């Protein structure tokens, strides 16, 4: 008797990143809406069962030739309970889709990390390219701050992450 476990899944012809990189291919608004609805419904299913995916990106979103989307690669997924504090690693989510709180070192987070990634996917599908392709965590934070704005003074004052304030943008008096 073998003690091996084999998982067999249905065949999905494409991944969203591969399709998005196809020269000359532009997703229509109805396609984007359809993919986003399926992605959000899938994540809602996971989150309602206490599962964080923590690596939502185009390469982990599989599509068949009928436009059916499936979330794949749960290798970084973890269980979570929104009513209970638990310390998780901040070293998850592919850099371009990583939310600022994880880049700042947060270890207590929930479904919002997956939803940030969904927002990045949405913008990527509509624009035809990644919106914040940082090469390092610091560069990624700067891209986020440039696009979304810097956090408020209140945010920085209430931040309980020891090293995070090194990323706080400083306003020079010459800029004011």
N, C-alpha and C. Protein backbone atom coordinates (compact mmCIF):
# COMPACT_ATOMS: atom_id res chain seq x y z
N UNK A 1 0.84 -1.18 0.00
CA UNK A 1 0.00 0.00 0.00
C UNK A 1 0.88 1.24 0.00
N UNK A 2 0.68 2.12 -0.95
CA UNK A 2 1.45 3.35 -1.07
C UNK A 2 0.95 4.39 -0.08
N UNK A 3 1.87 5.16 0.46
CA UNK A 3 1.47 6.23 1.38
C UNK A 3 1.51 7.59 0.69
N UNK A 4 1.61 7.59 -0.63
CA UNK A 4 1.65 8.84 -1.38
C UNK A 4 0.24 9.39 -1.57
N UNK A 5 0.17 10.69 -1.63
CA UNK A 5 -1.09 11.37 -1.87
C UNK A 5 -0.97 12.12 -3.18
N UNK A 6 -1.93 11.93 -4.07
CA UNK A 6 -1.93 12.61 -5.36
C UNK A 6 -3.17 13.48 -5.46
N UNK A 7 -2.97 14.71 -5.88
CA UNK A 7 -4.08 15.63 -6.08
C UNK A 7 -4.27 15.81 -7.58
N UNK A 8 -5.49 15.65 -8.04
CA UNK A 8 -5.79 15.79 -9.46
C UNK A 8 -6.83 16.89 -9.60
N UNK A 9 -6.52 17.86 -10.45
CA UNK A 9 -7.40 19.00 -10.64
C UNK A 9 -7.85 19.08 -12.09
N UNK A 10 -8.90 19.81 -12.31
CA UNK A 10 -9.33 20.03 -13.69
C UNK A 10 -8.30 20.88 -14.41
N UNK A 11 -8.26 20.72 -15.72
CA UNK A 11 -7.31 21.46 -16.54
C UNK A 11 -7.84 22.86 -16.82
N UNK A 12 -7.01 23.84 -16.57
CA UNK A 12 -7.33 25.23 -16.88
C UNK A 12 -6.32 25.69 -17.92
N UNK A 13 -6.80 26.20 -19.03
CA UNK A 13 -5.95 26.50 -20.18
C UNK A 13 -5.01 27.68 -19.99
N UNK A 14 -5.36 28.63 -19.12
CA UNK A 14 -4.60 29.88 -19.04
C UNK A 14 -4.43 30.32 -17.59
N UNK A 15 -3.48 31.23 -17.41
CA UNK A 15 -3.46 32.01 -16.17
C UNK A 15 -3.59 33.48 -16.58
N UNK A 16 -4.11 34.27 -15.69
CA UNK A 16 -4.42 35.66 -16.01
C UNK A 16 -3.18 36.46 -16.38
N UNK A 17 -2.06 36.19 -15.72
CA UNK A 17 -0.83 36.92 -16.04
C UNK A 17 -0.37 36.61 -17.46
N UNK A 18 -0.46 35.34 -17.85
CA UNK A 18 -0.07 34.95 -19.20
C UNK A 18 -0.94 35.59 -20.25
N UNK A 19 -2.24 35.61 -20.00
CA UNK A 19 -3.15 36.26 -20.95
C UNK A 19 -2.89 37.76 -21.02
N UNK A 20 -2.70 38.38 -19.87
CA UNK A 20 -2.49 39.83 -19.84
C UNK A 20 -1.20 40.22 -20.57
N UNK A 21 -0.23 39.31 -20.62
CA UNK A 21 1.05 39.60 -21.28
C UNK A 21 1.01 39.32 -22.78
N UNK A 22 -0.12 38.81 -23.27
CA UNK A 22 -0.24 38.52 -24.70
C UNK A 22 -0.25 39.82 -25.49
N UNK A 23 0.70 39.98 -26.43
CA UNK A 23 0.74 41.22 -27.22
C UNK A 23 -0.58 41.44 -27.98
N UNK A 24 -1.06 42.66 -27.91
CA UNK A 24 -2.28 43.02 -28.63
C UNK A 24 -3.58 42.66 -27.93
N UNK A 25 -3.50 41.93 -26.82
CA UNK A 25 -4.72 41.55 -26.10
C UNK A 25 -5.07 42.62 -25.08
N UNK A 26 -6.29 43.12 -25.16
CA UNK A 26 -6.80 44.07 -24.17
C UNK A 26 -8.13 43.53 -23.68
N UNK A 27 -8.27 43.42 -22.37
CA UNK A 27 -9.51 42.92 -21.80
C UNK A 27 -10.60 43.99 -21.92
N UNK A 28 -11.80 43.56 -22.27
CA UNK A 28 -12.93 44.49 -22.31
C UNK A 28 -13.43 44.72 -20.89
N UNK A 29 -14.18 45.80 -20.70
CA UNK A 29 -14.75 46.06 -19.37
C UNK A 29 -15.63 44.92 -18.90
N UNK A 30 -16.50 44.35 -19.76
CA UNK A 30 -17.30 43.21 -19.30
C UNK A 30 -16.44 42.01 -18.88
N UNK A 31 -15.34 41.76 -19.58
CA UNK A 31 -14.44 40.67 -19.17
C UNK A 31 -13.83 40.95 -17.80
N UNK A 32 -13.35 42.17 -17.62
CA UNK A 32 -12.74 42.54 -16.34
C UNK A 32 -13.76 42.41 -15.22
N UNK A 33 -14.97 42.89 -15.44
CA UNK A 33 -16.02 42.77 -14.42
C UNK A 33 -16.30 41.31 -14.09
N UNK A 34 -16.37 40.48 -15.11
CA UNK A 34 -16.64 39.06 -14.92
C UNK A 34 -15.52 38.39 -14.11
N UNK A 35 -14.28 38.66 -14.48
CA UNK A 35 -13.14 38.08 -13.75
C UNK A 35 -13.11 38.57 -12.31
N UNK A 36 -13.35 39.86 -12.12
CA UNK A 36 -13.31 40.41 -10.76
C UNK A 36 -14.43 39.84 -9.90
N UNK A 37 -15.62 39.67 -10.48
CA UNK A 37 -16.71 39.09 -9.71
C UNK A 37 -16.36 37.67 -9.27
N UNK A 38 -15.81 36.89 -10.18
CA UNK A 38 -15.44 35.52 -9.84
C UNK A 38 -14.34 35.49 -8.78
N UNK A 39 -13.35 36.38 -8.92
CA UNK A 39 -12.26 36.44 -7.95
C UNK A 39 -12.77 36.84 -6.58
N UNK A 40 -13.61 37.87 -6.53
CA UNK A 40 -14.14 38.32 -5.24
C UNK A 40 -15.06 37.28 -4.60
N UNK A 41 -15.84 36.59 -5.41
CA UNK A 41 -16.70 35.52 -4.87
C UNK A 41 -15.84 34.38 -4.31
N UNK A 42 -14.77 34.04 -5.03
CA UNK A 42 -13.86 32.99 -4.55
C UNK A 42 -13.18 33.37 -3.26
N UNK A 43 -12.72 34.61 -3.17
CA UNK A 43 -12.08 35.07 -1.93
C UNK A 43 -13.08 35.17 -0.79
N UNK A 44 -14.30 35.60 -1.09
CA UNK A 44 -15.34 35.64 -0.06
C UNK A 44 -15.56 34.24 0.51
N UNK A 45 -15.58 33.26 -0.36
CA UNK A 45 -15.74 31.86 0.06
C UNK A 45 -14.59 31.47 1.00
N UNK A 46 -13.36 31.80 0.62
CA UNK A 46 -12.20 31.47 1.45
C UNK A 46 -12.25 32.22 2.79
N UNK A 47 -12.46 33.52 2.73
CA UNK A 47 -12.43 34.34 3.94
C UNK A 47 -13.53 33.95 4.91
N UNK A 48 -14.71 33.61 4.40
CA UNK A 48 -15.80 33.18 5.28
C UNK A 48 -15.51 31.85 5.96
N UNK A 49 -14.52 31.13 5.46
CA UNK A 49 -14.11 29.86 6.06
C UNK A 49 -12.78 30.00 6.80
N UNK A 50 -12.36 31.25 7.01
CA UNK A 50 -11.15 31.51 7.79
C UNK A 50 -9.85 31.25 7.06
N UNK A 51 -9.84 31.39 5.74
CA UNK A 51 -8.62 31.15 4.97
C UNK A 51 -8.18 32.44 4.28
N UNK A 52 -6.93 32.83 4.53
CA UNK A 52 -6.30 33.93 3.79
C UNK A 52 -5.44 33.31 2.71
N UNK A 53 -5.54 33.77 1.49
CA UNK A 53 -4.73 33.24 0.40
C UNK A 53 -3.29 33.76 0.49
N UNK A 54 -3.12 35.04 0.62
CA UNK A 54 -1.85 35.74 0.83
C UNK A 54 -0.89 35.72 -0.36
N UNK A 55 -1.37 35.36 -1.54
CA UNK A 55 -0.52 35.47 -2.73
C UNK A 55 -1.37 35.62 -3.99
N UNK A 56 -2.33 36.54 -3.93
CA UNK A 56 -3.18 36.80 -5.10
C UNK A 56 -2.36 37.58 -6.12
N UNK A 57 -2.22 37.01 -7.29
CA UNK A 57 -1.53 37.64 -8.42
C UNK A 57 -2.02 36.94 -9.68
N UNK A 58 -1.77 37.56 -10.82
CA UNK A 58 -2.28 37.02 -12.08
C UNK A 58 -1.87 35.59 -12.35
N UNK A 59 -0.65 35.22 -11.99
CA UNK A 59 -0.17 33.86 -12.24
C UNK A 59 -0.92 32.82 -11.41
N UNK A 60 -1.57 33.24 -10.32
CA UNK A 60 -2.32 32.32 -9.47
C UNK A 60 -3.82 32.36 -9.74
N UNK A 61 -4.21 33.01 -10.81
CA UNK A 61 -5.62 33.06 -11.21
C UNK A 61 -5.74 32.34 -12.54
N UNK A 62 -6.33 31.17 -12.51
CA UNK A 62 -6.41 30.31 -13.69
C UNK A 62 -7.73 30.52 -14.40
N UNK A 63 -7.69 30.43 -15.73
CA UNK A 63 -8.89 30.63 -16.56
C UNK A 63 -9.01 29.50 -17.55
N UNK A 64 -10.25 29.08 -17.80
CA UNK A 64 -10.46 28.13 -18.89
C UNK A 64 -10.95 28.89 -20.12
N UNK A 65 -11.16 28.17 -21.20
CA UNK A 65 -11.55 28.82 -22.46
C UNK A 65 -12.97 29.38 -22.42
N UNK A 66 -13.73 29.08 -21.36
CA UNK A 66 -15.08 29.63 -21.21
C UNK A 66 -15.10 30.85 -20.30
N UNK A 67 -13.93 31.31 -19.85
CA UNK A 67 -13.87 32.49 -18.99
C UNK A 67 -14.10 32.20 -17.52
N UNK A 68 -14.07 30.93 -17.13
CA UNK A 68 -14.23 30.57 -15.72
C UNK A 68 -12.89 30.74 -15.02
N UNK A 69 -12.90 31.49 -13.91
CA UNK A 69 -11.70 31.79 -13.15
C UNK A 69 -11.65 30.93 -11.89
N UNK A 70 -10.48 30.41 -11.59
CA UNK A 70 -10.25 29.64 -10.36
C UNK A 70 -9.01 30.19 -9.68
N UNK A 71 -9.08 30.29 -8.37
CA UNK A 71 -7.93 30.72 -7.58
C UNK A 71 -7.04 29.50 -7.33
N UNK A 72 -5.74 29.66 -7.58
CA UNK A 72 -4.81 28.55 -7.44
C UNK A 72 -3.67 28.91 -6.48
N UNK A 73 -2.83 27.94 -6.22
CA UNK A 73 -1.61 28.07 -5.42
C UNK A 73 -1.88 28.61 -4.02
N UNK A 74 -2.33 27.73 -3.17
CA UNK A 74 -2.59 28.09 -1.78
C UNK A 74 -1.38 27.80 -0.89
N UNK A 75 -0.18 27.81 -1.49
CA UNK A 75 1.04 27.50 -0.75
C UNK A 75 1.36 28.46 0.38
N UNK A 76 0.94 29.71 0.28
CA UNK A 76 1.17 30.69 1.34
C UNK A 76 -0.09 30.94 2.18
N UNK A 77 -1.14 30.21 1.89
CA UNK A 77 -2.42 30.41 2.60
C UNK A 77 -2.27 30.02 4.07
N UNK A 78 -3.12 30.63 4.89
CA UNK A 78 -3.14 30.30 6.31
C UNK A 78 -4.56 30.47 6.83
N UNK A 79 -4.82 29.85 7.96
CA UNK A 79 -6.11 30.04 8.62
C UNK A 79 -6.03 31.31 9.46
N UNK A 80 -7.16 32.00 9.58
CA UNK A 80 -7.21 33.19 10.43
C UNK A 80 -8.57 33.29 11.06
N UNK A 81 -8.60 34.00 12.19
CA UNK A 81 -9.84 34.27 12.89
C UNK A 81 -9.90 35.77 13.12
N UNK A 82 -10.82 36.47 12.44
CA UNK A 82 -10.86 37.94 12.57
C UNK A 82 -11.16 38.42 13.98
N UNK A 83 -11.70 37.57 14.84
CA UNK A 83 -12.05 37.97 16.21
C UNK A 83 -10.88 37.78 17.18
N UNK A 84 -9.79 37.21 16.69
CA UNK A 84 -8.70 36.84 17.58
C UNK A 84 -7.38 37.36 17.01
N UNK A 85 -6.55 37.95 17.87
CA UNK A 85 -5.24 38.41 17.41
C UNK A 85 -4.33 37.21 17.23
N UNK A 86 -3.66 37.20 16.11
CA UNK A 86 -2.67 36.16 15.88
C UNK A 86 -1.53 36.78 15.09
N UNK A 87 -0.34 36.36 15.37
CA UNK A 87 0.81 36.93 14.69
C UNK A 87 1.15 36.07 13.49
N UNK A 88 1.16 36.72 12.33
CA UNK A 88 1.46 36.06 11.06
C UNK A 88 2.71 36.70 10.48
N UNK A 89 3.30 36.07 9.51
CA UNK A 89 4.47 36.65 8.87
C UNK A 89 4.07 37.75 7.90
N UNK A 90 4.90 38.77 7.81
CA UNK A 90 4.65 39.84 6.84
C UNK A 90 5.32 39.53 5.51
N UNK A 91 6.08 38.46 5.45
CA UNK A 91 6.83 38.11 4.24
C UNK A 91 6.00 37.20 3.33
N UNK A 92 4.85 37.70 2.93
CA UNK A 92 3.97 36.98 2.02
C UNK A 92 3.53 37.94 0.91
N UNK A 93 2.89 37.45 -0.05
CA UNK A 93 2.35 38.19 -1.19
C UNK A 93 3.50 38.67 -2.08
N UNK A 94 3.40 38.35 -3.35
CA UNK A 94 4.38 38.80 -4.33
C UNK A 94 4.49 40.32 -4.27
N UNK A 95 5.69 40.84 -4.34
CA UNK A 95 5.99 42.24 -4.05
C UNK A 95 5.06 43.24 -4.73
N UNK A 96 4.76 43.09 -6.01
CA UNK A 96 3.94 44.07 -6.73
C UNK A 96 2.51 44.12 -6.20
N UNK A 97 2.08 43.10 -5.47
CA UNK A 97 0.70 43.00 -5.00
C UNK A 97 0.63 43.05 -3.47
N UNK A 98 1.74 43.40 -2.84
CA UNK A 98 1.82 43.39 -1.37
C UNK A 98 1.32 44.72 -0.81
N UNK A 99 0.42 44.67 0.17
CA UNK A 99 -0.12 45.92 0.74
C UNK A 99 0.91 46.64 1.61
N UNK A 100 0.72 47.95 1.78
CA UNK A 100 1.70 48.73 2.53
C UNK A 100 1.89 48.25 3.96
N UNK A 101 0.83 47.78 4.62
CA UNK A 101 1.01 47.35 6.01
C UNK A 101 1.97 46.17 6.12
N UNK A 102 1.97 45.28 5.12
CA UNK A 102 2.93 44.17 5.15
C UNK A 102 4.33 44.66 4.83
N UNK A 103 4.44 45.61 3.92
CA UNK A 103 5.75 46.19 3.61
C UNK A 103 6.34 46.91 4.82
N UNK A 104 5.47 47.41 5.69
CA UNK A 104 5.91 48.09 6.91
C UNK A 104 6.12 47.12 8.06
N UNK A 105 5.90 45.82 7.83
CA UNK A 105 6.21 44.81 8.83
C UNK A 105 5.06 44.34 9.69
N UNK A 106 3.82 44.67 9.36
CA UNK A 106 2.68 44.24 10.18
C UNK A 106 2.59 42.72 10.23
N UNK A 107 2.23 42.20 11.39
CA UNK A 107 2.05 40.75 11.55
C UNK A 107 0.64 40.39 12.00
N UNK A 108 -0.18 41.39 12.25
CA UNK A 108 -1.57 41.16 12.65
C UNK A 108 -2.46 41.73 11.55
N UNK A 109 -2.94 40.89 10.66
CA UNK A 109 -3.72 41.35 9.52
C UNK A 109 -4.77 40.32 9.17
N UNK A 110 -5.63 40.69 8.23
CA UNK A 110 -6.72 39.80 7.84
C UNK A 110 -6.96 39.85 6.35
N UNK A 111 -8.23 39.76 5.99
CA UNK A 111 -8.64 39.65 4.59
C UNK A 111 -8.22 40.84 3.74
N UNK A 112 -7.96 41.97 4.36
CA UNK A 112 -7.58 43.17 3.61
C UNK A 112 -6.32 42.95 2.77
N UNK A 113 -5.42 42.06 3.20
CA UNK A 113 -4.21 41.83 2.40
C UNK A 113 -4.56 41.21 1.05
N UNK A 114 -5.54 40.32 1.02
CA UNK A 114 -5.99 39.73 -0.25
C UNK A 114 -6.72 40.77 -1.09
N UNK A 115 -7.49 41.63 -0.44
CA UNK A 115 -8.27 42.63 -1.17
C UNK A 115 -7.38 43.70 -1.79
N UNK A 116 -6.28 44.06 -1.13
CA UNK A 116 -5.32 44.99 -1.74
C UNK A 116 -4.81 44.38 -3.04
N UNK A 117 -4.46 43.10 -3.00
CA UNK A 117 -3.95 42.43 -4.19
C UNK A 117 -5.00 42.42 -5.30
N UNK A 118 -6.27 42.23 -4.94
CA UNK A 118 -7.35 42.27 -5.93
C UNK A 118 -7.40 43.65 -6.59
N UNK A 119 -7.25 44.70 -5.80
CA UNK A 119 -7.24 46.05 -6.36
C UNK A 119 -6.10 46.25 -7.35
N UNK A 120 -4.94 45.69 -7.03
CA UNK A 120 -3.80 45.77 -7.95
C UNK A 120 -4.10 45.02 -9.25
N UNK A 121 -4.73 43.86 -9.14
CA UNK A 121 -5.11 43.07 -10.32
C UNK A 121 -6.11 43.86 -11.17
N UNK A 122 -7.11 44.46 -10.53
CA UNK A 122 -8.11 45.26 -11.25
C UNK A 122 -7.43 46.38 -12.05
N UNK A 123 -6.57 47.13 -11.39
CA UNK A 123 -5.87 48.23 -12.07
C UNK A 123 -5.01 47.71 -13.21
N UNK A 124 -4.38 46.57 -13.00
CA UNK A 124 -3.53 45.98 -14.03
C UNK A 124 -4.35 45.56 -15.25
N UNK A 125 -5.51 44.96 -15.01
CA UNK A 125 -6.37 44.54 -16.13
C UNK A 125 -6.88 45.74 -16.92
N UNK A 126 -7.21 46.81 -16.21
CA UNK A 126 -7.74 48.00 -16.89
C UNK A 126 -6.65 48.80 -17.61
N UNK A 127 -5.46 48.83 -17.04
CA UNK A 127 -4.38 49.63 -17.64
C UNK A 127 -3.53 48.83 -18.63
N UNK A 128 -3.59 47.51 -18.53
CA UNK A 128 -2.79 46.68 -19.43
C UNK A 128 -1.37 46.43 -18.97
N UNK A 129 -1.04 46.86 -17.75
CA UNK A 129 0.31 46.63 -17.23
C UNK A 129 0.29 46.72 -15.71
N UNK A 130 1.29 46.12 -15.04
CA UNK A 130 1.35 46.25 -13.58
C UNK A 130 1.45 47.72 -13.19
N UNK A 131 0.72 48.10 -12.14
CA UNK A 131 0.69 49.53 -11.78
C UNK A 131 1.81 49.93 -10.83
N UNK A 132 2.35 48.98 -10.09
CA UNK A 132 3.43 49.32 -9.14
C UNK A 132 4.50 48.23 -9.16
N UNK A 133 5.29 48.18 -10.23
CA UNK A 133 6.30 47.13 -10.34
C UNK A 133 7.60 47.47 -9.62
N UNK A 134 7.58 47.45 -8.30
CA UNK A 134 8.78 47.76 -7.53
C UNK A 134 9.78 46.61 -7.56
N UNK A 135 11.05 46.95 -7.40
CA UNK A 135 12.10 45.92 -7.39
C UNK A 135 12.52 45.55 -5.98
N UNK A 136 12.27 46.44 -5.03
CA UNK A 136 12.60 46.18 -3.63
C UNK A 136 11.41 46.62 -2.78
N UNK A 137 11.41 46.23 -1.52
CA UNK A 137 10.32 46.63 -0.62
C UNK A 137 10.27 48.15 -0.46
N UNK A 138 11.43 48.78 -0.36
CA UNK A 138 11.47 50.24 -0.21
C UNK A 138 10.92 50.91 -1.47
N UNK A 139 11.36 50.45 -2.64
CA UNK A 139 10.85 51.02 -3.88
C UNK A 139 9.35 50.79 -4.01
N UNK A 140 8.88 49.63 -3.57
CA UNK A 140 7.45 49.33 -3.63
C UNK A 140 6.66 50.30 -2.76
N UNK A 141 7.15 50.57 -1.55
CA UNK A 141 6.48 51.55 -0.68
C UNK A 141 6.45 52.92 -1.32
N UNK A 142 7.54 53.32 -1.92
CA UNK A 142 7.57 54.64 -2.58
C UNK A 142 6.58 54.70 -3.73
N UNK A 143 6.44 53.62 -4.49
CA UNK A 143 5.46 53.59 -5.58
C UNK A 143 4.04 53.68 -5.04
N UNK A 144 3.78 52.99 -3.94
CA UNK A 144 2.45 53.05 -3.32
C UNK A 144 2.16 54.47 -2.83
N UNK A 145 3.12 55.08 -2.13
CA UNK A 145 2.92 56.43 -1.61
C UNK A 145 2.74 57.43 -2.75
N UNK A 146 3.48 57.25 -3.84
CA UNK A 146 3.36 58.16 -4.98
C UNK A 146 1.98 58.05 -5.62
N UNK A 147 1.48 56.83 -5.76
CA UNK A 147 0.19 56.61 -6.41
C UNK A 147 -0.99 56.92 -5.48
N UNK A 148 -0.89 56.48 -4.25
CA UNK A 148 -2.03 56.58 -3.32
C UNK A 148 -1.92 57.74 -2.34
N UNK A 149 -0.75 58.34 -2.25
CA UNK A 149 -0.53 59.38 -1.26
C UNK A 149 0.12 58.80 -0.02
N UNK A 150 0.85 59.64 0.68
CA UNK A 150 1.50 59.21 1.92
C UNK A 150 0.46 59.10 3.02
N UNK A 151 0.68 58.20 3.96
CA UNK A 151 -0.23 58.11 5.10
C UNK A 151 -0.24 59.41 5.90
N UNK A 152 -1.31 59.62 6.63
CA UNK A 152 -1.48 60.85 7.42
C UNK A 152 -0.53 60.86 8.62
N UNK A 153 -0.36 62.04 9.19
CA UNK A 153 0.44 62.16 10.42
C UNK A 153 -0.15 61.30 11.53
N UNK A 154 -1.48 61.24 11.58
CA UNK A 154 -2.15 60.41 12.60
C UNK A 154 -1.77 58.94 12.42
N UNK A 155 -1.72 58.48 11.17
CA UNK A 155 -1.32 57.10 10.90
C UNK A 155 0.08 56.84 11.46
N UNK A 156 1.03 57.73 11.13
CA UNK A 156 2.41 57.53 11.58
C UNK A 156 2.48 57.58 13.11
N UNK A 157 1.71 58.47 13.74
CA UNK A 157 1.73 58.60 15.20
C UNK A 157 1.20 57.35 15.88
N UNK A 158 0.21 56.70 15.27
CA UNK A 158 -0.40 55.51 15.88
C UNK A 158 0.26 54.21 15.46
N UNK A 159 1.23 54.28 14.58
CA UNK A 159 1.88 53.08 14.07
C UNK A 159 2.69 52.42 15.18
N UNK A 160 2.49 51.14 15.36
CA UNK A 160 3.17 50.42 16.42
C UNK A 160 4.25 49.48 15.88
N UNK A 161 4.71 49.75 14.68
CA UNK A 161 5.76 48.93 14.08
C UNK A 161 7.08 49.68 14.25
N UNK A 162 8.01 49.07 14.93
CA UNK A 162 9.23 49.76 15.36
C UNK A 162 10.03 50.38 14.21
N UNK A 163 10.19 49.69 13.11
CA UNK A 163 11.07 50.21 12.06
C UNK A 163 10.33 50.99 10.97
N UNK A 164 9.04 51.06 11.06
CA UNK A 164 8.24 51.61 9.97
C UNK A 164 8.47 53.08 9.70
N UNK A 165 8.75 53.87 10.73
CA UNK A 165 8.86 55.31 10.51
C UNK A 165 10.07 55.70 9.67
N UNK A 166 11.00 54.80 9.44
CA UNK A 166 12.11 55.13 8.54
C UNK A 166 11.61 55.35 7.12
N UNK A 167 10.40 54.87 6.82
CA UNK A 167 9.82 55.03 5.50
C UNK A 167 8.95 56.28 5.39
N UNK A 168 8.77 56.98 6.51
CA UNK A 168 7.92 58.17 6.50
C UNK A 168 8.54 59.25 5.62
N UNK A 169 7.79 59.72 4.62
CA UNK A 169 8.32 60.80 3.77
C UNK A 169 8.51 62.07 4.59
N UNK A 170 9.61 62.75 4.36
CA UNK A 170 9.88 64.00 5.05
C UNK A 170 9.63 65.15 4.09
N UNK A 171 8.87 66.12 4.55
CA UNK A 171 8.58 67.29 3.71
C UNK A 171 9.66 68.32 3.96
N UNK A 172 10.32 68.71 2.91
CA UNK A 172 11.34 69.76 3.01
C UNK A 172 10.63 71.11 2.97
N UNK A 173 11.14 72.07 3.72
CA UNK A 173 10.49 73.39 3.75
C UNK A 173 10.51 74.05 2.39
N UNK A 174 11.48 73.73 1.55
CA UNK A 174 11.53 74.30 0.20
C UNK A 174 10.39 73.79 -0.67
N UNK A 175 9.82 72.63 -0.30
CA UNK A 175 8.72 72.04 -1.07
C UNK A 175 7.37 72.64 -0.71
N UNK A 176 7.30 73.35 0.42
CA UNK A 176 6.02 73.84 0.90
C UNK A 176 5.66 75.15 0.29
